[in-house]
Amino acid sequence: MFDDLRNDAAKQYEEEEARAEYQPAGINTSRSRRSGKFLGMTSIQRFVLVFMMLTATCVVGFLCLFATGKIAF
């Protein structure tokens, strides 16, 4: 079982090195500068989206409280 363990480990290391050196032609390995966009949106667009989601959550929560009678006018 352990007869050829050292040779097997060396062989696996060589195979991993060969895989690491191979790079497909279409992939650019250099890190490009991040543009600061998330999902293609600018910071103002993200703010508006988050604000609308916050407002919708608050309105739905208020309506649930009102419907169950936990809050009254």
PDB file of N, CA and C in Angstrom:
ATOM      1  N   MET A   1       0.813  -1.181   0.000  1.00  0.00           N
ATOM      2  CA  MET A   1       0.000   0.000   0.000  1.00  0.00           C
ATOM      3  C   MET A   1       0.871   1.265   0.000  1.00  0.00           C
ATOM      4  N   PHE A   2       1.901   1.295   0.830  1.00  0.00           N
ATOM      5  CA  PHE A   2       2.756   2.462   0.929  1.00  0.00           C
ATOM      6  C   PHE A   2       4.053   2.316   0.146  1.00  0.00           C
ATOM      7  N   ASP A   3       4.129   1.344  -0.733  1.00  0.00           N
ATOM      8  CA  ASP A   3       5.369   1.068  -1.447  1.00  0.00           C
ATOM      9  C   ASP A   3       5.794   2.245  -2.330  1.00  0.00           C
ATOM     10  N   ASP A   4       4.888   2.817  -3.057  1.00  0.00           N
ATOM     11  CA  ASP A   4       5.244   3.824  -4.043  1.00  0.00           C
ATOM     12  C   ASP A   4       4.627   5.187  -3.686  1.00  0.00           C
ATOM     13  N   LEU A   5       4.489   5.455  -2.400  1.00  0.00           N
ATOM     14  CA  LEU A   5       3.818   6.665  -1.939  1.00  0.00           C
ATOM     15  C   LEU A   5       4.581   7.927  -2.337  1.00  0.00           C
ATOM     16  N   ARG A   6       5.897   7.932  -2.191  1.00  0.00           N
ATOM     17  CA  ARG A   6       6.688   9.112  -2.516  1.00  0.00           C
ATOM     18  C   ARG A   6       6.610   9.430  -4.004  1.00  0.00           C
ATOM     19  N   ASN A   7       6.681   8.422  -4.843  1.00  0.00           N
ATOM     20  CA  ASN A   7       6.597   8.644  -6.290  1.00  0.00           C
ATOM     21  C   ASN A   7       5.209   9.133  -6.700  1.00  0.00           C
ATOM     22  N   ASP A   8       4.174   8.611  -6.064  1.00  0.00           N
ATOM     23  CA  ASP A   8       2.817   9.070  -6.362  1.00  0.00           C
ATOM     24  C   ASP A   8       2.639  10.543  -6.001  1.00  0.00           C
ATOM     25  N   ALA A   9       3.182  10.939  -4.854  1.00  0.00           N
ATOM     26  CA  ALA A   9       3.075  12.333  -4.432  1.00  0.00           C
ATOM     27  C   ALA A   9       3.821  13.247  -5.396  1.00  0.00           C
ATOM     28  N   ALA A  10       5.006  12.840  -5.832  1.00  0.00           N
ATOM     29  CA  ALA A  10       5.775  13.647  -6.782  1.00  0.00           C
ATOM     30  C   ALA A  10       5.049  13.748  -8.119  1.00  0.00           C
ATOM     31  N   LYS A  11       4.421  12.672  -8.540  1.00  0.00           N
ATOM     32  CA  LYS A  11       3.693  12.657  -9.806  1.00  0.00           C
ATOM     33  C   LYS A  11       2.492  13.608  -9.742  1.00  0.00           C
ATOM     34  N   GLN A  12       1.761  13.591  -8.626  1.00  0.00           N
ATOM     35  CA  GLN A  12       0.615  14.487  -8.467  1.00  0.00           C
ATOM     36  C   GLN A  12       1.057  15.941  -8.465  1.00  0.00           C
ATOM     37  N   TYR A  13       2.195  16.227  -7.825  1.00  0.00           N
ATOM     38  CA  TYR A  13       2.701  17.590  -7.792  1.00  0.00           C
ATOM     39  C   TYR A  13       3.045  18.071  -9.198  1.00  0.00           C
ATOM     40  N   GLU A  14       3.664  17.219  -9.983  1.00  0.00           N
ATOM     41  CA  GLU A  14       4.019  17.581 -11.359  1.00  0.00           C
ATOM     42  C   GLU A  14       2.767  17.820 -12.205  1.00  0.00           C
ATOM     43  N   GLU A  15       1.726  17.016 -12.002  1.00  0.00           N
ATOM     44  CA  GLU A  15       0.491  17.190 -12.745  1.00  0.00           C
ATOM     45  C   GLU A  15      -0.189  18.509 -12.373  1.00  0.00           C
ATOM     46  N   GLU A  16      -0.163  18.879 -11.086  1.00  0.00           N
ATOM     47  CA  GLU A  16      -0.756  20.138 -10.656  1.00  0.00           C
ATOM     48  C   GLU A  16      -0.006  21.325 -11.241  1.00  0.00           C
ATOM     49  N   GLU A  17       1.327  21.225 -11.305  1.00  0.00           N
ATOM     50  CA  GLU A  17       2.119  22.298 -11.916  1.00  0.00           C
ATOM     51  C   GLU A  17       1.779  22.449 -13.393  1.00  0.00           C
ATOM     52  N   ALA A  18       1.605  21.331 -14.073  1.00  0.00           N
ATOM     53  CA  ALA A  18       1.286  21.388 -15.498  1.00  0.00           C
ATOM     54  C   ALA A  18      -0.082  22.020 -15.717  1.00  0.00           C
ATOM     55  N   ARG A  19      -1.041  21.723 -14.853  1.00  0.00           N
ATOM     56  CA  ARG A  19      -2.365  22.321 -14.959  1.00  0.00           C
ATOM     57  C   ARG A  19      -2.330  23.811 -14.643  1.00  0.00           C
ATOM     58  N   ALA A  20      -1.495  24.204 -13.694  1.00  0.00           N
ATOM     59  CA  ALA A  20      -1.414  25.612 -13.312  1.00  0.00           C
ATOM     60  C   ALA A  20      -0.782  26.444 -14.421  1.00  0.00           C
ATOM     61  N   GLU A  21       0.128  25.871 -15.176  1.00  0.00           N
ATOM     62  CA  GLU A  21       0.791  26.599 -16.248  1.00  0.00           C
ATOM     63  C   GLU A  21      -0.110  26.768 -17.467  1.00  0.00           C
ATOM     64  N   TYR A  22      -1.058  25.870 -17.664  1.00  0.00           N
ATOM     65  CA  TYR A  22      -1.949  25.946 -18.823  1.00  0.00           C
ATOM     66  C   TYR A  22      -2.959  27.057 -18.620  1.00  0.00           C
ATOM     67  N   GLN A  23      -3.074  27.945 -19.589  1.00  0.00           N
ATOM     68  CA  GLN A  23      -4.049  29.022 -19.548  1.00  0.00           C
ATOM     69  C   GLN A  23      -4.719  29.119 -20.909  1.00  0.00           C
ATOM     70  N   PRO A  24      -6.033  29.038 -20.956  1.00  0.00           N
ATOM     71  CA  PRO A  24      -6.722  29.197 -22.233  1.00  0.00           C
ATOM     72  C   PRO A  24      -6.437  30.570 -22.830  1.00  0.00           C
ATOM     73  N   ALA A  25      -6.459  30.669 -24.149  1.00  0.00           N
ATOM     74  CA  ALA A  25      -6.076  31.897 -24.840  1.00  0.00           C
ATOM     75  C   ALA A  25      -7.042  33.045 -24.575  1.00  0.00           C
ATOM     76  N   GLY A  26      -8.306  32.773 -24.335  1.00  0.00           N
ATOM     77  CA  GLY A  26      -9.298  33.829 -24.191  1.00  0.00           C
ATOM     78  C   GLY A  26      -9.370  34.449 -22.807  1.00  0.00           C
ATOM     79  N   ILE A  27      -8.660  33.915 -21.833  1.00  0.00           N
ATOM     80  CA  ILE A  27      -8.775  34.408 -20.472  1.00  0.00           C
ATOM     81  C   ILE A  27      -7.606  35.322 -20.163  1.00  0.00           C
ATOM     82  N   ASN A  28      -7.913  36.518 -19.685  1.00  0.00           N
ATOM     83  CA  ASN A  28      -6.893  37.473 -19.292  1.00  0.00           C
ATOM     84  C   ASN A  28      -6.596  37.270 -17.817  1.00  0.00           C
ATOM     85  N   THR A  29      -5.358  36.984 -17.467  1.00  0.00           N
ATOM     86  CA  THR A  29      -5.013  36.680 -16.082  1.00  0.00           C
ATOM     87  C   THR A  29      -4.718  37.912 -15.255  1.00  0.00           C
ATOM     88  N   SER A  30      -4.471  39.045 -15.882  1.00  0.00           N
ATOM     89  CA  SER A  30      -4.180  40.249 -15.114  1.00  0.00           C
ATOM     90  C   SER A  30      -5.465  40.778 -14.497  1.00  0.00           C
ATOM     91  N   ARG A  31      -5.325  41.330 -13.332  1.00  0.00           N
ATOM     92  CA  ARG A  31      -6.485  41.878 -12.633  1.00  0.00           C
ATOM     93  C   ARG A  31      -6.848  43.229 -13.235  1.00  0.00           C
ATOM     94  N   SER A  32      -8.075  43.329 -13.673  1.00  0.00           N
ATOM     95  CA  SER A  32      -8.513  44.612 -14.219  1.00  0.00           C
ATOM     96  C   SER A  32      -8.982  45.497 -13.067  1.00  0.00           C
ATOM     97  N   ARG A  33      -8.929  46.789 -13.280  1.00  0.00           N
ATOM     98  CA  ARG A  33      -9.348  47.731 -12.257  1.00  0.00           C
ATOM     99  C   ARG A  33     -10.853  47.670 -12.098  1.00  0.00           C
ATOM    100  N   ARG A  34     -11.299  47.572 -10.867  1.00  0.00           N
ATOM    101  CA  ARG A  34     -12.735  47.502 -10.617  1.00  0.00           C
ATOM    102  C   ARG A  34     -13.367  48.848 -10.872  1.00  0.00           C
ATOM    103  N   SER A  35     -14.520  48.828 -11.484  1.00  0.00           N
ATOM    104  CA  SER A  35     -15.188  50.077 -11.829  1.00  0.00           C
ATOM    105  C   SER A  35     -16.082  50.590 -10.706  1.00  0.00           C
ATOM    106  N   GLY A  36     -16.252  49.833  -9.628  1.00  0.00           N
ATOM    107  CA  GLY A  36     -17.088  50.288  -8.526  1.00  0.00           C
ATOM    108  C   GLY A  36     -18.566  50.084  -8.779  1.00  0.00           C
ATOM    109  N   LYS A  37     -18.924  49.297  -9.758  1.00  0.00           N
ATOM    110  CA  LYS A  37     -20.331  49.070 -10.061  1.00  0.00           C
ATOM    111  C   LYS A  37     -20.732  47.672  -9.593  1.00  0.00           C
ATOM    112  N   PHE A  38     -21.907  47.601  -9.022  1.00  0.00           N
ATOM    113  CA  PHE A  38     -22.476  46.328  -8.585  1.00  0.00           C
ATOM    114  C   PHE A  38     -23.710  46.086  -9.439  1.00  0.00           C
ATOM    115  N   LEU A  39     -23.718  44.992 -10.171  1.00  0.00           N
ATOM    116  CA  LEU A  39     -24.803  44.652 -11.083  1.00  0.00           C
ATOM    117  C   LEU A  39     -24.995  45.728 -12.147  1.00  0.00           C
ATOM    118  N   GLY A  40     -23.926  46.443 -12.482  1.00  0.00           N
ATOM    119  CA  GLY A  40     -23.992  47.453 -13.523  1.00  0.00           C
ATOM    120  C   GLY A  40     -24.676  48.740 -13.109  1.00  0.00           C
ATOM    121  N   MET A  41     -24.858  48.956 -11.792  1.00  0.00           N
ATOM    122  CA  MET A  41     -25.540  50.160 -11.318  1.00  0.00           C
ATOM    123  C   MET A  41     -24.544  51.119 -10.685  1.00  0.00           C
ATOM    124  N   THR A  42     -24.838  52.391 -10.808  1.00  0.00           N
ATOM    125  CA  THR A  42     -24.028  53.394 -10.125  1.00  0.00           C
ATOM    126  C   THR A  42     -24.460  53.468  -8.666  1.00  0.00           C
ATOM    127  N   SER A  43     -23.733  54.231  -7.877  1.00  0.00           N
ATOM    128  CA  SER A  43     -24.055  54.327  -6.454  1.00  0.00           C
ATOM    129  C   SER A  43     -25.419  54.981  -6.221  1.00  0.00           C
ATOM    130  N   ILE A  44     -25.776  55.952  -7.021  1.00  0.00           N
ATOM    131  CA  ILE A  44     -27.081  56.611  -6.880  1.00  0.00           C
ATOM    132  C   ILE A  44     -28.213  55.633  -7.193  1.00  0.00           C
ATOM    133  N   GLN A  45     -28.036  54.832  -8.243  1.00  0.00           N
ATOM    134  CA  GLN A  45     -29.060  53.846  -8.598  1.00  0.00           C
ATOM    135  C   GLN A  45     -29.213  52.806  -7.495  1.00  0.00           C
ATOM    136  N   ARG A  46     -28.096  52.376  -6.913  1.00  0.00           N
ATOM    137  CA  ARG A  46     -28.163  51.413  -5.803  1.00  0.00           C
ATOM    138  C   ARG A  46     -28.874  52.023  -4.603  1.00  0.00           C
ATOM    139  N   PHE A  47     -28.584  53.304  -4.313  1.00  0.00           N
ATOM    140  CA  PHE A  47     -29.239  53.974  -3.193  1.00  0.00           C
ATOM    141  C   PHE A  47     -30.747  54.037  -3.391  1.00  0.00           C
ATOM    142  N   VAL A  48     -31.177  54.419  -4.582  1.00  0.00           N
ATOM    143  CA  VAL A  48     -32.611  54.519  -4.868  1.00  0.00           C
ATOM    144  C   VAL A  48     -33.277  53.150  -4.734  1.00  0.00           C
ATOM    145  N   LEU A  49     -32.624  52.115  -5.238  1.00  0.00           N
ATOM    146  CA  LEU A  49     -33.178  50.768  -5.136  1.00  0.00           C
ATOM    147  C   LEU A  49     -33.306  50.326  -3.682  1.00  0.00           C
ATOM    148  N   VAL A  50     -32.279  50.553  -2.890  1.00  0.00           N
ATOM    149  CA  VAL A  50     -32.318  50.163  -1.475  1.00  0.00           C
ATOM    150  C   VAL A  50     -33.355  50.986  -0.722  1.00  0.00           C
ATOM    151  N   PHE A  51     -33.455  52.271  -1.033  1.00  0.00           N
ATOM    152  CA  PHE A  51     -34.454  53.120  -0.376  1.00  0.00           C
ATOM    153  C   PHE A  51     -35.864  52.648  -0.701  1.00  0.00           C
ATOM    154  N   MET A  52     -36.111  52.279  -1.951  1.00  0.00           N
ATOM    155  CA  MET A  52     -37.431  51.773  -2.338  1.00  0.00           C
ATOM    156  C   MET A  52     -37.736  50.446  -1.634  1.00  0.00           C
ATOM    157  N   MET A  53     -36.739  49.592  -1.509  1.00  0.00           N
ATOM    158  CA  MET A  53     -36.951  48.322  -0.804  1.00  0.00           C
ATOM    159  C   MET A  53     -37.228  48.557   0.679  1.00  0.00           C
ATOM    160  N   LEU A  54     -36.524  49.509   1.300  1.00  0.00           N
ATOM    161  CA  LEU A  54     -36.761  49.842   2.698  1.00  0.00           C
ATOM    162  C   LEU A  54     -38.168  50.383   2.893  1.00  0.00           C
ATOM    163  N   THR A  55     -38.588  51.275   2.011  1.00  0.00           N
ATOM    164  CA  THR A  55     -39.926  51.845   2.102  1.00  0.00           C
ATOM    165  C   THR A  55     -41.000  50.766   1.936  1.00  0.00           C
ATOM    166  N   ALA A  56     -40.807  49.886   0.970  1.00  0.00           N
ATOM    167  CA  ALA A  56     -41.787  48.815   0.747  1.00  0.00           C
ATOM    168  C   ALA A  56     -41.866  47.894   1.962  1.00  0.00           C
ATOM    169  N   THR A  57     -40.730  47.594   2.566  1.00  0.00           N
ATOM    170  CA  THR A  57     -40.717  46.734   3.755  1.00  0.00           C
ATOM    171  C   THR A  57     -41.439  47.397   4.914  1.00  0.00           C
ATOM    172  N   CYS A  58     -41.201  48.680   5.114  1.00  0.00           N
ATOM    173  CA  CYS A  58     -41.868  49.396   6.200  1.00  0.00           C
ATOM    174  C   CYS A  58     -43.381  49.462   5.974  1.00  0.00           C
ATOM    175  N   VAL A  59     -43.794  49.728   4.752  1.00  0.00           N
ATOM    176  CA  VAL A  59     -45.227  49.814   4.441  1.00  0.00           C
ATOM    177  C   VAL A  59     -45.899  48.452   4.644  1.00  0.00           C
ATOM    178  N   VAL A  60     -45.292  47.396   4.153  1.00  0.00           N
ATOM    179  CA  VAL A  60     -45.874  46.050   4.316  1.00  0.00           C
ATOM    180  C   VAL A  60     -45.930  45.674   5.791  1.00  0.00           C
ATOM    181  N   GLY A  61     -44.890  45.993   6.548  1.00  0.00           N
ATOM    182  CA  GLY A  61     -44.902  45.711   7.984  1.00  0.00           C
ATOM    183  C   GLY A  61     -45.993  46.480   8.705  1.00  0.00           C
ATOM    184  N   PHE A  62     -46.147  47.760   8.357  1.00  0.00           N
ATOM    185  CA  PHE A  62     -47.205  48.571   8.965  1.00  0.00           C
ATOM    186  C   PHE A  62     -48.577  48.001   8.629  1.00  0.00           C
ATOM    187  N   LEU A  63     -48.785  47.608   7.372  1.00  0.00           N
ATOM    188  CA  LEU A  63     -50.090  47.049   6.984  1.00  0.00           C
ATOM    189  C   LEU A  63     -50.374  45.734   7.700  1.00  0.00           C
ATOM    190  N   CYS A  64     -49.351  44.918   7.895  1.00  0.00           N
ATOM    191  CA  CYS A  64     -49.546  43.658   8.644  1.00  0.00           C
ATOM    192  C   CYS A  64     -49.915  43.941  10.095  1.00  0.00           C
ATOM    193  N   LEU A  65     -49.236  44.901  10.723  1.00  0.00           N
ATOM    194  CA  LEU A  65     -49.583  45.268  12.098  1.00  0.00           C
ATOM    195  C   LEU A  65     -50.994  45.837  12.183  1.00  0.00           C
ATOM    196  N   PHE A  66     -51.362  46.669  11.246  1.00  0.00           N
ATOM    197  CA  PHE A  66     -52.689  47.267  11.225  1.00  0.00           C
ATOM    198  C   PHE A  66     -53.771  46.213  11.001  1.00  0.00           C
ATOM    199  N   ALA A  67     -53.505  45.258  10.096  1.00  0.00           N
ATOM    200  CA  ALA A  67     -54.491  44.215   9.791  1.00  0.00           C
ATOM    201  C   ALA A  67     -54.692  43.267  10.959  1.00  0.00           C
ATOM    202  N   THR A  68     -53.671  43.011  11.745  1.00  0.00           N
ATOM    203  CA  THR A  68     -53.807  42.084  12.868  1.00  0.00           C
ATOM    204  C   THR A  68     -54.293  42.796  14.129  1.00  0.00           C
ATOM    205  N   GLY A  69     -54.443  44.105  14.071  1.00  0.00           N
ATOM    206  CA  GLY A  69     -54.977  44.842  15.223  1.00  0.00           C
ATOM    207  C   GLY A  69     -53.936  45.169  16.271  1.00  0.00           C
ATOM    208  N   LYS A  70     -52.671  45.050  15.957  1.00  0.00           N
ATOM    209  CA  LYS A  70     -51.622  45.352  16.927  1.00  0.00           C
ATOM    210  C   LYS A  70     -51.354  46.851  17.022  1.00  0.00           C
ATOM    211  N   ILE A  71     -51.848  47.584  16.031  1.00  0.00           N
ATOM    212  CA  ILE A  71     -51.670  49.031  16.007  1.00  0.00           C
ATOM    213  C   ILE A  71     -53.001  49.630  15.573  1.00  0.00           C
ATOM    214  N   ALA A  72     -53.369  50.747  16.175  1.00  0.00           N
ATOM    215  CA  ALA A  72     -54.652  51.375  15.808  1.00  0.00           C
ATOM    216  C   ALA A  72     -54.493  52.885  15.844  1.00  0.00           C
ATOM    217  N   PHE A  73     -55.364  53.550  15.116  1.00  0.00           N
ATOM    218  CA  PHE A  73     -55.323  55.020  15.091  1.00  0.00           C
ATOM    219  C   PHE A  73     -56.196  55.585  16.154  1.00  0.00           C
TER     220      PHE A  73
END
